Amino acid sequence: LEKMQSQILDEARRNADEILEQAEKEAGEIREEAGKSAQAESSR
């Protein structure tokens, strides 16, 4: 039971890390896109 709990927790951590990593990646892309958009708007 402990083994199973440990595996579930590890998998949940990995999933959480993947989700967090994906969220950070998307946030970075959004920031980069917003920066480009802001730069283009400010240039215009």
PDB file of all heavy atoms in Angstrom:
ATOM      1  N   LEU A   1       0.837  -1.194   0.000  1.00  0.00           N
ATOM      2  CA  LEU A   1       0.000   0.000   0.000  1.00  0.00           C
ATOM      3  C   LEU A   1       0.871   1.242   0.000  1.00  0.00           C
ATOM      4  O   LEU A   1       0.599   2.200  -0.733  1.00  0.00           O
ATOM      5  CB  LEU A   1      -0.925  -0.036   1.234  1.00  0.00           C
ATOM      6  CG  LEU A   1      -1.904   1.116   1.361  1.00  0.00           C
ATOM      7  CD1 LEU A   1      -2.853   1.179   0.187  1.00  0.00           C
ATOM      8  CD2 LEU A   1      -2.671   1.011   2.656  1.00  0.00           C
ATOM      9  N   GLU A   2       1.878   1.215   0.792  1.00  0.00           N
ATOM     10  CA  GLU A   2       2.784   2.361   0.865  1.00  0.00           C
ATOM     11  C   GLU A   2       3.477   2.553  -0.474  1.00  0.00           C
ATOM     12  O   GLU A   2       3.726   3.682  -0.912  1.00  0.00           O
ATOM     13  CB  GLU A   2       3.822   2.154   1.975  1.00  0.00           C
ATOM     14  CG  GLU A   2       3.217   2.270   3.347  1.00  0.00           C
ATOM     15  CD  GLU A   2       4.227   1.931   4.432  1.00  0.00           C
ATOM     16  OE1 GLU A   2       5.299   1.378   4.122  1.00  0.00           O
ATOM     17  OE2 GLU A   2       3.944   2.269   5.567  1.00  0.00           O
ATOM     18  N   LYS A   3       3.831   1.409  -1.083  1.00  0.00           N
ATOM     19  CA  LYS A   3       4.498   1.459  -2.371  1.00  0.00           C
ATOM     20  C   LYS A   3       3.568   2.112  -3.408  1.00  0.00           C
ATOM     21  O   LYS A   3       3.990   2.939  -4.215  1.00  0.00           O
ATOM     22  CB  LYS A   3       4.862   0.035  -2.783  1.00  0.00           C
ATOM     23  CG  LYS A   3       6.023  -0.035  -3.678  1.00  0.00           C
ATOM     24  CD  LYS A   3       6.325  -1.512  -3.867  1.00  0.00           C
ATOM     25  CE  LYS A   3       7.569  -1.662  -4.653  1.00  0.00           C
ATOM     26  NZ  LYS A   3       7.933  -2.979  -4.940  1.00  0.00           N
ATOM     27  N   MET A   4       2.374   1.693  -3.365  1.00  0.00           N
ATOM     28  CA  MET A   4       1.398   2.214  -4.313  1.00  0.00           C
ATOM     29  C   MET A   4       1.178   3.709  -4.068  1.00  0.00           C
ATOM     30  O   MET A   4       1.114   4.496  -5.022  1.00  0.00           O
ATOM     31  CB  MET A   4       0.077   1.472  -4.153  1.00  0.00           C
ATOM     32  CG  MET A   4      -0.616   1.301  -5.467  1.00  0.00           C
ATOM     33  SD  MET A   4      -2.289   0.780  -5.307  1.00  0.00           S
ATOM     34  CE  MET A   4      -2.248  -0.879  -4.913  1.00  0.00           C
ATOM     35  N   GLN A   5       1.084   4.094  -2.836  1.00  0.00           N
ATOM     36  CA  GLN A   5       0.905   5.508  -2.496  1.00  0.00           C
ATOM     37  C   GLN A   5       2.104   6.309  -2.984  1.00  0.00           C
ATOM     38  O   GLN A   5       1.961   7.412  -3.506  1.00  0.00           O
ATOM     39  CB  GLN A   5       0.776   5.671  -0.968  1.00  0.00           C
ATOM     40  CG  GLN A   5      -0.592   5.381  -0.457  1.00  0.00           C
ATOM     41  CD  GLN A   5      -0.657   5.563   1.063  1.00  0.00           C
ATOM     42  OE1 GLN A   5       0.377   5.502   1.761  1.00  0.00           O
ATOM     43  NE2 GLN A   5      -1.855   5.767   1.566  1.00  0.00           N
ATOM     44  N   SER A   6       3.283   5.767  -2.787  1.00  0.00           N
ATOM     45  CA  SER A   6       4.508   6.424  -3.193  1.00  0.00           C
ATOM     46  C   SER A   6       4.522   6.607  -4.711  1.00  0.00           C
ATOM     47  O   SER A   6       4.893   7.674  -5.235  1.00  0.00           O
ATOM     48  CB  SER A   6       5.730   5.616  -2.723  1.00  0.00           C
ATOM     49  OG  SER A   6       6.896   6.205  -3.174  1.00  0.00           O
ATOM     50  N   GLN A   7       4.124   5.564  -5.448  1.00  0.00           N
ATOM     51  CA  GLN A   7       4.089   5.640  -6.905  1.00  0.00           C
ATOM     52  C   GLN A   7       3.069   6.689  -7.358  1.00  0.00           C
ATOM     53  O   GLN A   7       3.303   7.469  -8.282  1.00  0.00           O
ATOM     54  CB  GLN A   7       3.723   4.286  -7.511  1.00  0.00           C
ATOM     55  CG  GLN A   7       4.863   3.308  -7.519  1.00  0.00           C
ATOM     56  CD  GLN A   7       4.414   1.962  -8.072  1.00  0.00           C
ATOM     57  OE1 GLN A   7       3.220   1.673  -8.230  1.00  0.00           O
ATOM     58  NE2 GLN A   7       5.381   1.114  -8.373  1.00  0.00           N
ATOM     59  N   ILE A   8       1.904   6.707  -6.714  1.00  0.00           N
ATOM     60  CA  ILE A   8       0.851   7.669  -7.076  1.00  0.00           C
ATOM     61  C   ILE A   8       1.343   9.100  -6.802  1.00  0.00           C
ATOM     62  O   ILE A   8       1.168  10.002  -7.617  1.00  0.00           O
ATOM     63  CB  ILE A   8      -0.455   7.368  -6.313  1.00  0.00           C
ATOM     64  CG1 ILE A   8      -1.057   6.070  -6.836  1.00  0.00           C
ATOM     65  CG2 ILE A   8      -1.443   8.506  -6.449  1.00  0.00           C
ATOM     66  CD1 ILE A   8      -2.258   5.566  -6.051  1.00  0.00           C
ATOM     67  N   LEU A   9       2.001   9.248  -5.632  1.00  0.00           N
ATOM     68  CA  LEU A   9       2.523  10.572  -5.283  1.00  0.00           C
ATOM     69  C   LEU A   9       3.604  10.997  -6.268  1.00  0.00           C
ATOM     70  O   LEU A   9       3.640  12.148  -6.708  1.00  0.00           O
ATOM     71  CB  LEU A   9       3.078  10.585  -3.859  1.00  0.00           C
ATOM     72  CG  LEU A   9       2.036  10.736  -2.745  1.00  0.00           C
ATOM     73  CD1 LEU A   9       2.705  10.549  -1.372  1.00  0.00           C
ATOM     74  CD2 LEU A   9       1.367  12.075  -2.794  1.00  0.00           C
ATOM     75  N   ASP A  10       4.507  10.058  -6.618  1.00  0.00           N
ATOM     76  CA  ASP A  10       5.573  10.380  -7.588  1.00  0.00           C
ATOM     77  C   ASP A  10       4.969  10.763  -8.937  1.00  0.00           C
ATOM     78  O   ASP A  10       5.390  11.734  -9.575  1.00  0.00           O
ATOM     79  CB  ASP A  10       6.520   9.190  -7.767  1.00  0.00           C
ATOM     80  CG  ASP A  10       7.448   8.987  -6.565  1.00  0.00           C
ATOM     81  OD1 ASP A  10       7.566   9.956  -5.768  1.00  0.00           O
ATOM     82  OD2 ASP A  10       8.042   7.913  -6.458  1.00  0.00           O
ATOM     83  N   GLU A  11       3.976   9.983  -9.342  1.00  0.00           N
ATOM     84  CA  GLU A  11       3.349  10.262 -10.623  1.00  0.00           C
ATOM     85  C   GLU A  11       2.610  11.596 -10.561  1.00  0.00           C
ATOM     86  O   GLU A  11       2.644  12.393 -11.500  1.00  0.00           O
ATOM     87  CB  GLU A  11       2.362   9.135 -10.974  1.00  0.00           C
ATOM     88  CG  GLU A  11       1.977   9.162 -12.437  1.00  0.00           C
ATOM     89  CD  GLU A  11       1.110   7.982 -12.816  1.00  0.00           C
ATOM     90  OE1 GLU A  11       1.420   6.837 -12.450  1.00  0.00           O
ATOM     91  OE2 GLU A  11       0.116   8.240 -13.506  1.00  0.00           O
ATOM     92  N   ALA A  12       1.955  11.882  -9.460  1.00  0.00           N
ATOM     93  CA  ALA A  12       1.238  13.143  -9.280  1.00  0.00           C
ATOM     94  C   ALA A  12       2.228  14.299  -9.304  1.00  0.00           C
ATOM     95  O   ALA A  12       1.966  15.357  -9.899  1.00  0.00           O
ATOM     96  CB  ALA A  12       0.455  13.133  -7.983  1.00  0.00           C
ATOM     97  N   ARG A  13       3.409  14.091  -8.642  1.00  0.00           N
ATOM     98  CA  ARG A  13       4.438  15.144  -8.665  1.00  0.00           C
ATOM     99  C   ARG A  13       4.944  15.377 -10.079  1.00  0.00           C
ATOM    100  O   ARG A  13       5.130  16.520 -10.495  1.00  0.00           O
ATOM    101  CB  ARG A  13       5.607  14.750  -7.751  1.00  0.00           C
ATOM    102  CG  ARG A  13       5.344  15.067  -6.323  1.00  0.00           C
ATOM    103  CD  ARG A  13       6.632  14.904  -5.501  1.00  0.00           C
ATOM    104  NE  ARG A  13       6.246  14.712  -4.129  1.00  0.00           N
ATOM    105  CZ  ARG A  13       6.407  13.616  -3.413  1.00  0.00           C
ATOM    106  NH1 ARG A  13       7.018  12.566  -3.913  1.00  0.00           N
ATOM    107  NH2 ARG A  13       5.990  13.547  -2.180  1.00  0.00           N
ATOM    108  N   ARG A  14       5.193  14.251 -10.785  1.00  0.00           N
ATOM    109  CA  ARG A  14       5.672  14.385 -12.162  1.00  0.00           C
ATOM    110  C   ARG A  14       4.624  15.114 -13.017  1.00  0.00           C
ATOM    111  O   ARG A  14       4.946  15.991 -13.804  1.00  0.00           O
ATOM    112  CB  ARG A  14       5.975  13.008 -12.753  1.00  0.00           C
ATOM    113  CG  ARG A  14       7.356  12.487 -12.436  1.00  0.00           C
ATOM    114  CD  ARG A  14       7.730  11.293 -13.297  1.00  0.00           C
ATOM    115  NE  ARG A  14       6.756  10.218 -13.285  1.00  0.00           N
ATOM    116  CZ  ARG A  14       6.708   9.230 -12.403  1.00  0.00           C
ATOM    117  NH1 ARG A  14       7.607   9.168 -11.447  1.00  0.00           N
ATOM    118  NH2 ARG A  14       5.781   8.320 -12.481  1.00  0.00           N
ATOM    119  N   ASN A  15       3.367  14.710 -12.859  1.00  0.00           N
ATOM    120  CA  ASN A  15       2.282  15.369 -13.607  1.00  0.00           C
ATOM    121  C   ASN A  15       2.201  16.860 -13.233  1.00  0.00           C
ATOM    122  O   ASN A  15       2.044  17.717 -14.100  1.00  0.00           O
ATOM    123  CB  ASN A  15       0.934  14.709 -13.334  1.00  0.00           C
ATOM    124  CG  ASN A  15       0.737  13.430 -14.124  1.00  0.00           C
ATOM    125  OD1 ASN A  15       1.440  13.190 -15.095  1.00  0.00           O
ATOM    126  ND2 ASN A  15      -0.220  12.617 -13.704  1.00  0.00           N
ATOM    127  N   ALA A  16       2.308  17.123 -11.951  1.00  0.00           N
ATOM    128  CA  ALA A  16       2.254  18.508 -11.480  1.00  0.00           C
ATOM    129  C   ALA A  16       3.432  19.284 -12.044  1.00  0.00           C
ATOM    130  O   ALA A  16       3.288  20.424 -12.493  1.00  0.00           O
ATOM    131  CB  ALA A  16       2.238  18.546  -9.959  1.00  0.00           C
ATOM    132  N   ASP A  17       4.633  18.614 -12.015  1.00  0.00           N
ATOM    133  CA  ASP A  17       5.827  19.289 -12.564  1.00  0.00           C
ATOM    134  C   ASP A  17       5.662  19.540 -14.053  1.00  0.00           C
ATOM    135  O   ASP A  17       6.014  20.613 -14.558  1.00  0.00           O
ATOM    136  CB  ASP A  17       7.081  18.437 -12.301  1.00  0.00           C
ATOM    137  CG  ASP A  17       7.520  18.461 -10.830  1.00  0.00           C
ATOM    138  OD1 ASP A  17       7.032  19.371 -10.103  1.00  0.00           O
ATOM    139  OD2 ASP A  17       8.341  17.605 -10.439  1.00  0.00           O
ATOM    140  N   GLU A  18       5.109  18.534 -14.762  1.00  0.00           N
ATOM    141  CA  GLU A  18       4.902  18.699 -16.207  1.00  0.00           C
ATOM    142  C   GLU A  18       3.887  19.830 -16.477  1.00  0.00           C
ATOM    143  O   GLU A  18       4.072  20.650 -17.366  1.00  0.00           O
ATOM    144  CB  GLU A  18       4.404  17.393 -16.824  1.00  0.00           C
ATOM    145  CG  GLU A  18       5.480  16.356 -17.011  1.00  0.00           C
ATOM    146  CD  GLU A  18       4.929  15.036 -17.550  1.00  0.00           C
ATOM    147  OE1 GLU A  18       3.767  15.013 -18.077  1.00  0.00           O
ATOM    148  OE2 GLU A  18       5.646  14.031 -17.449  1.00  0.00           O
ATOM    149  N   ILE A  19       2.816  19.812 -15.699  1.00  0.00           N
ATOM    150  CA  ILE A  19       1.778  20.855 -15.859  1.00  0.00           C
ATOM    151  C   ILE A  19       2.375  22.221 -15.542  1.00  0.00           C
ATOM    152  O   ILE A  19       2.151  23.198 -16.264  1.00  0.00           O
ATOM    153  CB  ILE A  19       0.548  20.547 -14.966  1.00  0.00           C
ATOM    154  CG1 ILE A  19      -0.183  19.322 -15.503  1.00  0.00           C
ATOM    155  CG2 ILE A  19      -0.379  21.755 -14.885  1.00  0.00           C
ATOM    156  CD1 ILE A  19      -1.292  18.806 -14.595  1.00  0.00           C
ATOM    157  N   LEU A  20       3.151  22.277 -14.459  1.00  0.00           N
ATOM    158  CA  LEU A  20       3.788  23.533 -14.061  1.00  0.00           C
ATOM    159  C   LEU A  20       4.773  24.002 -15.124  1.00  0.00           C
ATOM    160  O   LEU A  20       4.790  25.177 -15.497  1.00  0.00           O
ATOM    161  CB  LEU A  20       4.497  23.340 -12.708  1.00  0.00           C
ATOM    162  CG  LEU A  20       5.027  24.600 -12.031  1.00  0.00           C
ATOM    163  CD1 LEU A  20       3.908  25.607 -11.791  1.00  0.00           C
ATOM    164  CD2 LEU A  20       5.701  24.255 -10.712  1.00  0.00           C
ATOM    165  N   GLU A  21       5.575  23.020 -15.626  1.00  0.00           N
ATOM    166  CA  GLU A  21       6.549  23.343 -16.677  1.00  0.00           C
ATOM    167  C   GLU A  21       5.825  23.831 -17.926  1.00  0.00           C
ATOM    168  O   GLU A  21       6.225  24.815 -18.559  1.00  0.00           O
ATOM    169  CB  GLU A  21       7.382  22.082 -16.978  1.00  0.00           C
ATOM    170  CG  GLU A  21       8.546  22.349 -17.920  1.00  0.00           C
ATOM    171  CD  GLU A  21       9.326  21.048 -18.180  1.00  0.00           C
ATOM    172  OE1 GLU A  21       9.619  20.301 -17.228  1.00  0.00           O
ATOM    173  OE2 GLU A  21       9.629  20.821 -19.358  1.00  0.00           O
ATOM    174  N   GLN A  22       4.723  23.149 -18.304  1.00  0.00           N
ATOM    175  CA  GLN A  22       3.937  23.541 -19.478  1.00  0.00           C
ATOM    176  C   GLN A  22       3.318  24.930 -19.266  1.00  0.00           C
ATOM    177  O   GLN A  22       3.321  25.761 -20.164  1.00  0.00           O
ATOM    178  CB  GLN A  22       2.839  22.494 -19.738  1.00  0.00           C
ATOM    179  CG  GLN A  22       2.009  22.739 -20.990  1.00  0.00           C
ATOM    180  CD  GLN A  22       2.831  22.672 -22.266  1.00  0.00           C
ATOM    181  OE1 GLN A  22       3.808  21.931 -22.368  1.00  0.00           O
ATOM    182  NE2 GLN A  22       2.459  23.480 -23.239  1.00  0.00           N
ATOM    183  N   ALA A  23       2.811  25.162 -18.050  1.00  0.00           N
ATOM    184  CA  ALA A  23       2.208  26.451 -17.727  1.00  0.00           C
ATOM    185  C   ALA A  23       3.247  27.561 -17.803  1.00  0.00           C
ATOM    186  O   ALA A  23       2.987  28.651 -18.332  1.00  0.00           O
ATOM    187  CB  ALA A  23       1.554  26.407 -16.349  1.00  0.00           C
ATOM    188  N   GLU A  24       4.458  27.264 -17.266  1.00  0.00           N
ATOM    189  CA  GLU A  24       5.531  28.276 -17.331  1.00  0.00           C
ATOM    190  C   GLU A  24       5.941  28.537 -18.774  1.00  0.00           C
ATOM    191  O   GLU A  24       6.200  29.673 -19.156  1.00  0.00           O
ATOM    192  CB  GLU A  24       6.736  27.806 -16.501  1.00  0.00           C
ATOM    193  CG  GLU A  24       6.524  27.956 -15.007  1.00  0.00           C
ATOM    194  CD  GLU A  24       7.716  27.436 -14.188  1.00  0.00           C
ATOM    195  OE1 GLU A  24       8.727  27.006 -14.788  1.00  0.00           O
ATOM    196  OE2 GLU A  24       7.618  27.482 -12.966  1.00  0.00           O
ATOM    197  N   LYS A  25       5.997  27.454 -19.569  1.00  0.00           N
ATOM    198  CA  LYS A  25       6.349  27.592 -20.987  1.00  0.00           C
ATOM    199  C   LYS A  25       5.315  28.462 -21.705  1.00  0.00           C
ATOM    200  O   LYS A  25       5.629  29.374 -22.444  1.00  0.00           O
ATOM    201  CB  LYS A  25       6.445  26.210 -21.625  1.00  0.00           C
ATOM    202  CG  LYS A  25       6.906  26.239 -23.055  1.00  0.00           C
ATOM    203  CD  LYS A  25       6.997  24.821 -23.613  1.00  0.00           C
ATOM    204  CE  LYS A  25       7.345  24.876 -25.084  1.00  0.00           C
ATOM    205  NZ  LYS A  25       7.295  23.562 -25.721  1.00  0.00           N
ATOM    206  N   GLU A  26       4.013  28.145 -21.460  1.00  0.00           N
ATOM    207  CA  GLU A  26       2.936  28.926 -22.086  1.00  0.00           C
ATOM    208  C   GLU A  26       2.949  30.369 -21.599  1.00  0.00           C
ATOM    209  O   GLU A  26       2.742  31.293 -22.388  1.00  0.00           O
ATOM    210  CB  GLU A  26       1.582  28.274 -21.795  1.00  0.00           C
ATOM    211  CG  GLU A  26       1.340  27.016 -22.588  1.00  0.00           C
ATOM    212  CD  GLU A  26       0.014  26.343 -22.250  1.00  0.00           C
ATOM    213  OE1 GLU A  26      -0.831  26.979 -21.562  1.00  0.00           O
ATOM    214  OE2 GLU A  26      -0.184  25.186 -22.674  1.00  0.00           O
ATOM    215  N   ALA A  27       3.201  30.564 -20.312  1.00  0.00           N
ATOM    216  CA  ALA A  27       3.271  31.930 -19.772  1.00  0.00           C
ATOM    217  C   ALA A  27       4.424  32.682 -20.423  1.00  0.00           C
ATOM    218  O   ALA A  27       4.304  33.870 -20.773  1.00  0.00           O
ATOM    219  CB  ALA A  27       3.432  31.891 -18.256  1.00  0.00           C
ATOM    220  N   GLY A  28       5.552  32.008 -20.610  1.00  0.00           N
ATOM    221  CA  GLY A  28       6.701  32.630 -21.283  1.00  0.00           C
ATOM    222  C   GLY A  28       6.368  33.014 -22.716  1.00  0.00           C
ATOM    223  O   GLY A  28       6.715  34.104 -23.183  1.00  0.00           O
ATOM    224  N   GLU A  29       5.674  32.091 -23.413  1.00  0.00           N
ATOM    225  CA  GLU A  29       5.274  32.375 -24.794  1.00  0.00           C
ATOM    226  C   GLU A  29       4.310  33.565 -24.832  1.00  0.00           C
ATOM    227  O   GLU A  29       4.394  34.421 -25.707  1.00  0.00           O
ATOM    228  CB  GLU A  29       4.633  31.132 -25.424  1.00  0.00           C
ATOM    229  CG  GLU A  29       5.629  30.035 -25.737  1.00  0.00           C
ATOM    230  CD  GLU A  29       4.966  28.740 -26.201  1.00  0.00           C
ATOM    231  OE1 GLU A  29       3.706  28.676 -26.247  1.00  0.00           O
ATOM    232  OE2 GLU A  29       5.711  27.786 -26.503  1.00  0.00           O
ATOM    233  N   ILE A  30       3.383  33.557 -23.872  1.00  0.00           N
ATOM    234  CA  ILE A  30       2.408  34.669 -23.806  1.00  0.00           C
ATOM    235  C   ILE A  30       3.144  35.977 -23.528  1.00  0.00           C
ATOM    236  O   ILE A  30       2.860  37.001 -24.163  1.00  0.00           O
ATOM    237  CB  ILE A  30       1.318  34.389 -22.743  1.00  0.00           C
ATOM    238  CG1 ILE A  30       0.408  33.262 -23.214  1.00  0.00           C
ATOM    239  CG2 ILE A  30       0.511  35.644 -22.437  1.00  0.00           C
ATOM    240  CD1 ILE A  30      -0.572  32.748 -22.169  1.00  0.00           C
ATOM    241  N   ARG A  31       4.110  35.920 -22.563  1.00  0.00           N
ATOM    242  CA  ARG A  31       4.883  37.142 -22.267  1.00  0.00           C
ATOM    243  C   ARG A  31       5.656  37.610 -23.493  1.00  0.00           C
ATOM    244  O   ARG A  31       5.707  38.794 -23.810  1.00  0.00           O
ATOM    245  CB  ARG A  31       5.845  36.882 -21.095  1.00  0.00           C
ATOM    246  CG  ARG A  31       5.245  37.071 -19.735  1.00  0.00           C
ATOM    247  CD  ARG A  31       6.301  37.158 -18.637  1.00  0.00           C
ATOM    248  NE  ARG A  31       7.204  36.016 -18.594  1.00  0.00           N
ATOM    249  CZ  ARG A  31       7.000  34.900 -17.916  1.00  0.00           C
ATOM    250  NH1 ARG A  31       5.896  34.780 -17.201  1.00  0.00           N
ATOM    251  NH2 ARG A  31       7.877  33.912 -17.929  1.00  0.00           N
ATOM    252  N   GLU A  32       6.287  36.636 -24.175  1.00  0.00           N
ATOM    253  CA  GLU A  32       7.080  36.973 -25.371  1.00  0.00           C
ATOM    254  C   GLU A  32       6.188  37.559 -26.458  1.00  0.00           C
ATOM    255  O   GLU A  32       6.513  38.570 -27.080  1.00  0.00           O
ATOM    256  CB  GLU A  32       7.783  35.706 -25.886  1.00  0.00           C
ATOM    257  CG  GLU A  32       8.785  35.995 -26.975  1.00  0.00           C
ATOM    258  CD  GLU A  32       9.510  34.732 -27.438  1.00  0.00           C
ATOM    259  OE1 GLU A  32       9.811  33.860 -26.604  1.00  0.00           O
ATOM    260  OE2 GLU A  32       9.762  34.651 -28.648  1.00  0.00           O
ATOM    261  N   GLU A  33       5.027  36.925 -26.663  1.00  0.00           N
ATOM    262  CA  GLU A  33       4.072  37.419 -27.662  1.00  0.00           C
ATOM    263  C   GLU A  33       3.554  38.803 -27.283  1.00  0.00           C
ATOM    264  O   GLU A  33       3.445  39.703 -28.121  1.00  0.00           O
ATOM    265  CB  GLU A  33       2.914  36.420 -27.797  1.00  0.00           C
ATOM    266  CG  GLU A  33       1.990  36.681 -28.974  1.00  0.00           C
ATOM    267  CD  GLU A  33       2.694  36.622 -30.320  1.00  0.00           C
ATOM    268  OE1 GLU A  33       3.595  35.790 -30.534  1.00  0.00           O
ATOM    269  OE2 GLU A  33       2.340  37.460 -31.168  1.00  0.00           O
ATOM    270  N   ALA A  34       3.254  38.980 -25.996  1.00  0.00           N
ATOM    271  CA  ALA A  34       2.772  40.282 -25.516  1.00  0.00           C
ATOM    272  C   ALA A  34       3.867  41.333 -25.677  1.00  0.00           C
ATOM    273  O   ALA A  34       3.589  42.472 -26.060  1.00  0.00           O
ATOM    274  CB  ALA A  34       2.334  40.187 -24.059  1.00  0.00           C
ATOM    275  N   GLY A  35       5.112  40.945 -25.401  1.00  0.00           N
ATOM    276  CA  GLY A  35       6.230  41.879 -25.571  1.00  0.00           C
ATOM    277  C   GLY A  35       6.391  42.296 -27.022  1.00  0.00           C
ATOM    278  O   GLY A  35       6.575  43.474 -27.333  1.00  0.00           O
ATOM    279  N   LYS A  36       6.301  41.264 -27.934  1.00  0.00           N
ATOM    280  CA  LYS A  36       6.402  41.570 -29.371  1.00  0.00           C
ATOM    281  C   LYS A  36       5.248  42.466 -29.798  1.00  0.00           C
ATOM    282  O   LYS A  36       5.428  43.420 -30.546  1.00  0.00           O
ATOM    283  CB  LYS A  36       6.385  40.276 -30.187  1.00  0.00           C
ATOM    284  CG  LYS A  36       7.660  39.491 -30.128  1.00  0.00           C
ATOM    285  CD  LYS A  36       7.537  38.216 -30.951  1.00  0.00           C
ATOM    286  CE  LYS A  36       8.788  37.354 -30.823  1.00  0.00           C
ATOM    287  NZ  LYS A  36       8.631  36.071 -31.538  1.00  0.00           N
ATOM    288  N   SER A  37       4.048  42.134 -29.311  1.00  0.00           N
ATOM    289  CA  SER A  37       2.861  42.914 -29.666  1.00  0.00           C
ATOM    290  C   SER A  37       2.991  44.345 -29.123  1.00  0.00           C
ATOM    291  O   SER A  37       2.688  45.320 -29.825  1.00  0.00           O
ATOM    292  CB  SER A  37       1.623  42.235 -29.093  1.00  0.00           C
ATOM    293  OG  SER A  37       0.478  42.991 -29.383  1.00  0.00           O
ATOM    294  N   ALA A  38       3.467  44.456 -27.877  1.00  0.00           N
ATOM    295  CA  ALA A  38       3.646  45.782 -27.269  1.00  0.00           C
ATOM    296  C   ALA A  38       4.712  46.560 -28.028  1.00  0.00           C
ATOM    297  O   ALA A  38       4.561  47.761 -28.270  1.00  0.00           O
ATOM    298  CB  ALA A  38       4.025  45.642 -25.798  1.00  0.00           C
ATOM    299  N   GLN A  39       5.792  45.877 -28.422  1.00  0.00           N
ATOM    300  CA  GLN A  39       6.872  46.523 -29.179  1.00  0.00           C
ATOM    301  C   GLN A  39       6.339  47.017 -30.530  1.00  0.00           C
ATOM    302  O   GLN A  39       6.604  48.136 -30.948  1.00  0.00           O
ATOM    303  CB  GLN A  39       8.037  45.541 -29.389  1.00  0.00           C
ATOM    304  CG  GLN A  39       9.233  46.143 -30.082  1.00  0.00           C
ATOM    305  CD  GLN A  39       9.904  47.229 -29.256  1.00  0.00           C
ATOM    306  OE1 GLN A  39       9.966  47.160 -28.044  1.00  0.00           O
ATOM    307  NE2 GLN A  39      10.377  48.259 -29.923  1.00  0.00           N
ATOM    308  N   ALA A  40       5.573  46.150 -31.211  1.00  0.00           N
ATOM    309  CA  ALA A  40       4.994  46.525 -32.512  1.00  0.00           C
ATOM    310  C   ALA A  40       4.044  47.701 -32.351  1.00  0.00           C
ATOM    311  O   ALA A  40       4.063  48.651 -33.143  1.00  0.00           O
ATOM    312  CB  ALA A  40       4.263  45.333 -33.129  1.00  0.00           C
ATOM    313  N   GLU A  41       3.194  47.649 -31.310  1.00  0.00           N
ATOM    314  CA  GLU A  41       2.237  48.739 -31.066  1.00  0.00           C
ATOM    315  C   GLU A  41       2.970  50.035 -30.738  1.00  0.00           C
ATOM    316  O   GLU A  41       2.630  51.105 -31.236  1.00  0.00           O
ATOM    317  CB  GLU A  41       1.276  48.353 -29.933  1.00  0.00           C
ATOM    318  CG  GLU A  41       0.206  49.384 -29.635  1.00  0.00           C
ATOM    319  CD  GLU A  41      -0.773  49.601 -30.771  1.00  0.00           C
ATOM    320  OE1 GLU A  41      -0.832  48.798 -31.731  1.00  0.00           O
ATOM    321  OE2 GLU A  41      -1.492  50.617 -30.721  1.00  0.00           O
ATOM    322  N   SER A  42       4.020  49.922 -29.897  1.00  0.00           N
ATOM    323  CA  SER A  42       4.762  51.135 -29.541  1.00  0.00           C
ATOM    324  C   SER A  42       5.496  51.686 -30.757  1.00  0.00           C
ATOM    325  O   SER A  42       5.569  52.890 -30.948  1.00  0.00           O
ATOM    326  CB  SER A  42       5.695  50.862 -28.355  1.00  0.00           C
ATOM    327  OG  SER A  42       7.013  50.675 -28.721  1.00  0.00           O
ATOM    328  N   SER A  43       6.017  50.801 -31.634  1.00  0.00           N
ATOM    329  CA  SER A  43       6.664  51.260 -32.881  1.00  0.00           C
ATOM    330  C   SER A  43       5.655  51.956 -33.783  1.00  0.00           C
ATOM    331  O   SER A  43       5.941  52.993 -34.379  1.00  0.00           O
ATOM    332  CB  SER A  43       7.292  50.082 -33.627  1.00  0.00           C
ATOM    333  OG  SER A  43       8.380  49.573 -32.905  1.00  0.00           O
ATOM    334  N   ARG A  44       4.445  51.358 -33.868  1.00  0.00           N
ATOM    335  CA  ARG A  44       3.395  51.969 -34.697  1.00  0.00           C
ATOM    336  C   ARG A  44       3.013  53.345 -34.149  1.00  0.00           C
ATOM    337  O   ARG A  44       2.904  54.313 -34.897  1.00  0.00           O
ATOM    338  CB  ARG A  44       2.166  51.050 -34.713  1.00  0.00           C
ATOM    339  CG  ARG A  44       1.071  51.506 -35.687  1.00  0.00           C
ATOM    340  CD  ARG A  44      -0.198  50.699 -35.517  1.00  0.00           C
ATOM    341  NE  ARG A  44      -0.863  50.950 -34.244  1.00  0.00           N
ATOM    342  CZ  ARG A  44      -1.564  52.044 -33.957  1.00  0.00           C
ATOM    343  NH1 ARG A  44      -1.680  53.012 -34.825  1.00  0.00           N
ATOM    344  NH2 ARG A  44      -2.140  52.179 -32.771  1.00  0.00           N
TER     345      ARG A  44
END
